[in-house]
Amino acid sequence: MLTAAELAWLATQHVGRLDASQRQRLIALARKSHGRPGALGKTERAELLGLLKALEPRLFVGSALKRLSPVPLPKRLLFGPRGNRTQRAAR
């Protein structure tokens, strides 16, 4: 239960990077697409991609793996190559 709470807290932090209007737009685009990017127009797909990039999914996954792993994992594996934007954000 503690691990689930930690992951929920981590997800809340990443979603909190978007303001309220961006979160609403992200939800609206996700609903409209039904999980199929082809259901969206070209500009809507670009907008969705921009919103998803703002969530920094690689940082989220790397942080989650770091919390879940019983052994230390290399930062390169978790956050990408050295000097990467994700690695700088993790610091």
N, C-alpha and C. Protein backbone atom coordinates (compact mmCIF):
# COMPACT_ATOMS: atom_id res chain seq x y z
N MET A 1 0.82 -1.19 0.00
CA MET A 1 0.00 0.00 0.00
C MET A 1 0.87 1.26 0.00
N LEU A 2 1.98 1.18 0.73
CA LEU A 2 2.87 2.34 0.78
C LEU A 2 3.45 2.64 -0.59
N THR A 3 3.81 1.61 -1.33
CA THR A 3 4.36 1.80 -2.67
C THR A 3 3.32 2.42 -3.59
N ALA A 4 2.08 1.96 -3.51
CA ALA A 4 1.02 2.53 -4.33
C ALA A 4 0.80 3.99 -3.99
N ALA A 5 0.87 4.34 -2.72
CA ALA A 5 0.72 5.74 -2.30
C ALA A 5 1.87 6.59 -2.83
N GLU A 6 3.09 6.05 -2.79
CA GLU A 6 4.25 6.80 -3.29
C GLU A 6 4.12 7.04 -4.79
N LEU A 7 3.67 6.03 -5.53
CA LEU A 7 3.50 6.19 -6.98
C LEU A 7 2.38 7.18 -7.30
N ALA A 8 1.31 7.15 -6.52
CA ALA A 8 0.22 8.10 -6.72
C ALA A 8 0.70 9.52 -6.45
N TRP A 9 1.51 9.69 -5.40
CA TRP A 9 2.06 11.00 -5.08
C TRP A 9 2.98 11.49 -6.20
N LEU A 10 3.79 10.58 -6.75
CA LEU A 10 4.70 10.91 -7.84
C LEU A 10 3.91 11.32 -9.08
N ALA A 11 2.85 10.59 -9.39
CA ALA A 11 2.01 10.91 -10.54
C ALA A 11 1.34 12.28 -10.35
N THR A 12 0.90 12.56 -9.13
CA THR A 12 0.28 13.86 -8.85
C THR A 12 1.27 15.00 -9.08
N GLN A 13 2.52 14.79 -8.72
CA GLN A 13 3.54 15.81 -8.96
C GLN A 13 3.70 16.09 -10.45
N HIS A 14 3.71 15.04 -11.25
CA HIS A 14 3.92 15.23 -12.69
C HIS A 14 2.70 15.87 -13.35
N VAL A 15 1.52 15.46 -12.95
CA VAL A 15 0.31 16.08 -13.51
C VAL A 15 0.20 17.53 -13.05
N GLY A 16 0.71 17.82 -11.88
CA GLY A 16 0.69 19.18 -11.36
C GLY A 16 1.54 20.17 -12.15
N ARG A 17 2.34 19.66 -13.06
CA ARG A 17 3.16 20.55 -13.91
C ARG A 17 2.31 21.27 -14.94
N LEU A 18 1.10 20.77 -15.17
CA LEU A 18 0.18 21.42 -16.09
C LEU A 18 -0.78 22.29 -15.29
N ASP A 19 -1.16 23.42 -15.87
CA ASP A 19 -2.17 24.23 -15.19
C ASP A 19 -3.56 23.62 -15.46
N ALA A 20 -4.57 24.17 -14.85
CA ALA A 20 -5.92 23.58 -14.92
C ALA A 20 -6.44 23.50 -16.34
N SER A 21 -6.24 24.54 -17.14
CA SER A 21 -6.74 24.51 -18.52
C SER A 21 -5.99 23.49 -19.36
N GLN A 22 -4.69 23.32 -19.12
CA GLN A 22 -3.93 22.31 -19.85
C GLN A 22 -4.38 20.90 -19.48
N ARG A 23 -4.67 20.68 -18.19
CA ARG A 23 -5.15 19.36 -17.76
C ARG A 23 -6.51 19.05 -18.40
N GLN A 24 -7.39 20.04 -18.44
CA GLN A 24 -8.70 19.84 -19.04
C GLN A 24 -8.57 19.53 -20.53
N ARG A 25 -7.66 20.24 -21.20
CA ARG A 25 -7.46 20.01 -22.64
C ARG A 25 -6.87 18.63 -22.89
N LEU A 26 -5.94 18.21 -22.05
CA LEU A 26 -5.34 16.88 -22.17
C LEU A 26 -6.41 15.80 -22.03
N ILE A 27 -7.28 15.94 -21.06
CA ILE A 27 -8.37 14.97 -20.86
C ILE A 27 -9.32 14.98 -22.04
N ALA A 28 -9.64 16.17 -22.54
CA ALA A 28 -10.56 16.26 -23.69
C ALA A 28 -9.96 15.59 -24.93
N LEU A 29 -8.68 15.81 -25.18
CA LEU A 29 -8.04 15.19 -26.35
C LEU A 29 -7.93 13.68 -26.18
N ALA A 30 -7.65 13.23 -24.97
CA ALA A 30 -7.56 11.78 -24.72
C ALA A 30 -8.92 11.12 -24.92
N ARG A 31 -9.97 11.75 -24.47
CA ARG A 31 -11.32 11.21 -24.66
C ARG A 31 -11.69 11.18 -26.13
N LYS A 32 -11.37 12.26 -26.83
CA LYS A 32 -11.73 12.35 -28.24
C LYS A 32 -10.99 11.29 -29.07
N SER A 33 -9.75 11.00 -28.72
CA SER A 33 -8.95 10.07 -29.50
C SER A 33 -9.32 8.60 -29.24
N HIS A 34 -9.90 8.31 -28.08
CA HIS A 34 -10.22 6.92 -27.71
C HIS A 34 -8.99 6.02 -27.82
N GLY A 35 -7.81 6.59 -27.55
CA GLY A 35 -6.58 5.82 -27.59
C GLY A 35 -6.00 5.64 -28.99
N ARG A 36 -6.61 6.27 -29.98
CA ARG A 36 -6.13 6.15 -31.36
C ARG A 36 -5.73 7.54 -31.86
N PRO A 37 -4.44 7.78 -32.04
CA PRO A 37 -4.00 9.10 -32.50
C PRO A 37 -4.60 9.50 -33.84
N GLY A 38 -4.94 8.54 -34.68
CA GLY A 38 -5.53 8.85 -35.99
C GLY A 38 -6.90 9.48 -35.88
N ALA A 39 -7.54 9.38 -34.73
CA ALA A 39 -8.86 9.98 -34.54
C ALA A 39 -8.76 11.50 -34.35
N LEU A 40 -7.55 12.00 -34.16
CA LEU A 40 -7.35 13.43 -33.97
C LEU A 40 -6.79 14.05 -35.25
N GLY A 41 -7.06 15.34 -35.41
CA GLY A 41 -6.48 16.07 -36.52
C GLY A 41 -5.00 16.32 -36.29
N LYS A 42 -4.32 16.80 -37.31
CA LYS A 42 -2.88 17.03 -37.21
C LYS A 42 -2.53 18.03 -36.12
N THR A 43 -3.27 19.12 -36.02
CA THR A 43 -2.98 20.13 -35.00
C THR A 43 -3.31 19.61 -33.60
N GLU A 44 -4.37 18.82 -33.50
CA GLU A 44 -4.72 18.24 -32.19
C GLU A 44 -3.67 17.23 -31.73
N ARG A 45 -3.14 16.44 -32.66
CA ARG A 45 -2.07 15.49 -32.30
C ARG A 45 -0.84 16.25 -31.82
N ALA A 46 -0.50 17.34 -32.49
CA ALA A 46 0.66 18.14 -32.09
C ALA A 46 0.43 18.75 -30.71
N GLU A 47 -0.78 19.22 -30.46
CA GLU A 47 -1.12 19.79 -29.16
C GLU A 47 -1.03 18.72 -28.06
N LEU A 48 -1.55 17.54 -28.34
CA LEU A 48 -1.50 16.44 -27.39
C LEU A 48 -0.05 16.05 -27.10
N LEU A 49 0.77 15.98 -28.12
CA LEU A 49 2.18 15.64 -27.94
C LEU A 49 2.88 16.68 -27.06
N GLY A 50 2.58 17.95 -27.28
CA GLY A 50 3.17 19.01 -26.46
C GLY A 50 2.76 18.90 -25.00
N LEU A 51 1.49 18.59 -24.76
CA LEU A 51 1.03 18.42 -23.38
C LEU A 51 1.67 17.21 -22.72
N LEU A 52 1.82 16.13 -23.47
CA LEU A 52 2.44 14.93 -22.91
C LEU A 52 3.92 15.16 -22.62
N LYS A 53 4.59 15.91 -23.48
CA LYS A 53 6.01 16.22 -23.23
C LYS A 53 6.18 17.04 -21.96
N ALA A 54 5.22 17.91 -21.68
CA ALA A 54 5.29 18.73 -20.47
C ALA A 54 5.20 17.89 -19.20
N LEU A 55 4.59 16.71 -19.30
CA LEU A 55 4.49 15.81 -18.15
C LEU A 55 5.80 15.08 -17.87
N GLU A 56 6.73 15.12 -18.82
CA GLU A 56 8.02 14.45 -18.71
C GLU A 56 7.86 12.98 -18.32
N PRO A 57 7.32 12.16 -19.24
CA PRO A 57 7.05 10.76 -18.93
C PRO A 57 8.30 9.95 -18.60
N ARG A 58 9.42 10.25 -19.23
CA ARG A 58 10.63 9.47 -18.93
C ARG A 58 11.10 9.72 -17.50
N LEU A 59 11.00 10.96 -17.05
CA LEU A 59 11.36 11.28 -15.67
C LEU A 59 10.41 10.57 -14.70
N PHE A 60 9.13 10.51 -15.05
CA PHE A 60 8.17 9.82 -14.19
C PHE A 60 8.50 8.33 -14.08
N VAL A 61 8.75 7.69 -15.21
CA VAL A 61 9.05 6.26 -15.20
C VAL A 61 10.37 6.00 -14.47
N GLY A 62 11.38 6.83 -14.73
CA GLY A 62 12.66 6.67 -14.05
C GLY A 62 12.54 6.83 -12.55
N SER A 63 11.78 7.82 -12.13
CA SER A 63 11.57 8.04 -10.69
C SER A 63 10.80 6.88 -10.06
N ALA A 64 9.81 6.37 -10.78
CA ALA A 64 9.03 5.24 -10.26
C ALA A 64 9.91 4.00 -10.14
N LEU A 65 10.72 3.72 -11.15
CA LEU A 65 11.62 2.56 -11.08
C LEU A 65 12.63 2.70 -9.96
N LYS A 66 13.12 3.91 -9.76
CA LYS A 66 14.08 4.15 -8.69
C LYS A 66 13.46 3.83 -7.33
N ARG A 67 12.20 4.18 -7.16
CA ARG A 67 11.49 3.90 -5.90
C ARG A 67 11.20 2.42 -5.71
N LEU A 68 10.89 1.72 -6.81
CA LEU A 68 10.47 0.33 -6.73
C LEU A 68 11.62 -0.67 -6.69
N SER A 69 12.76 -0.31 -7.24
CA SER A 69 13.86 -1.26 -7.36
C SER A 69 14.55 -1.51 -6.02
N PRO A 70 14.78 -2.77 -5.69
CA PRO A 70 15.47 -3.07 -4.44
C PRO A 70 16.98 -2.82 -4.52
N VAL A 71 17.51 -2.70 -5.74
CA VAL A 71 18.94 -2.42 -5.93
C VAL A 71 19.09 -1.11 -6.68
N PRO A 72 20.19 -0.40 -6.48
CA PRO A 72 20.40 0.84 -7.23
C PRO A 72 20.51 0.57 -8.73
N LEU A 73 19.84 1.36 -9.51
CA LEU A 73 19.89 1.25 -10.96
C LEU A 73 20.72 2.40 -11.52
N PRO A 74 21.43 2.18 -12.63
CA PRO A 74 22.22 3.26 -13.22
C PRO A 74 21.32 4.42 -13.66
N LYS A 75 21.77 5.63 -13.41
CA LYS A 75 20.99 6.81 -13.80
C LYS A 75 20.77 6.84 -15.30
N ARG A 76 21.75 6.35 -16.06
CA ARG A 76 21.63 6.32 -17.51
C ARG A 76 20.42 5.48 -17.93
N LEU A 77 20.19 4.38 -17.23
CA LEU A 77 19.06 3.51 -17.53
C LEU A 77 17.74 4.18 -17.15
N LEU A 78 17.73 4.88 -16.04
CA LEU A 78 16.50 5.50 -15.55
C LEU A 78 16.13 6.77 -16.28
N PHE A 79 17.13 7.62 -16.53
CA PHE A 79 16.83 8.96 -17.01
C PHE A 79 17.44 9.31 -18.36
N GLY A 80 18.07 8.36 -19.03
CA GLY A 80 18.63 8.61 -20.35
C GLY A 80 20.08 9.01 -20.31
N PRO A 81 20.62 9.37 -21.47
CA PRO A 81 22.05 9.68 -21.56
C PRO A 81 22.43 10.92 -20.75
N ARG A 82 23.71 10.99 -20.41
CA ARG A 82 24.24 12.12 -19.64
C ARG A 82 23.97 13.43 -20.37
N GLY A 83 23.62 14.45 -19.64
CA GLY A 83 23.34 15.76 -20.23
C GLY A 83 21.94 15.87 -20.79
N ASN A 84 21.17 14.82 -20.72
CA ASN A 84 19.80 14.81 -21.21
C ASN A 84 18.94 15.73 -20.35
N ARG A 85 17.93 16.32 -20.92
CA ARG A 85 17.03 17.21 -20.20
C ARG A 85 16.35 16.49 -19.03
N THR A 86 16.06 15.22 -19.23
CA THR A 86 15.43 14.44 -18.16
C THR A 86 16.37 14.27 -16.99
N GLN A 87 17.65 14.03 -17.25
CA GLN A 87 18.61 13.89 -16.17
C GLN A 87 18.76 15.20 -15.39
N ARG A 88 18.77 16.31 -16.11
CA ARG A 88 18.89 17.62 -15.42
C ARG A 88 17.66 17.87 -14.56
N ALA A 89 16.48 17.47 -15.03
CA ALA A 89 15.25 17.68 -14.27
C ALA A 89 15.20 16.79 -13.04
N ALA A 90 15.86 15.63 -13.09
CA ALA A 90 15.85 14.69 -11.98
C ALA A 90 16.66 15.21 -10.80
N ARG A 91 17.59 16.08 -11.06
CA ARG A 91 18.44 16.62 -9.98
C ARG A 91 17.69 17.57 -9.16
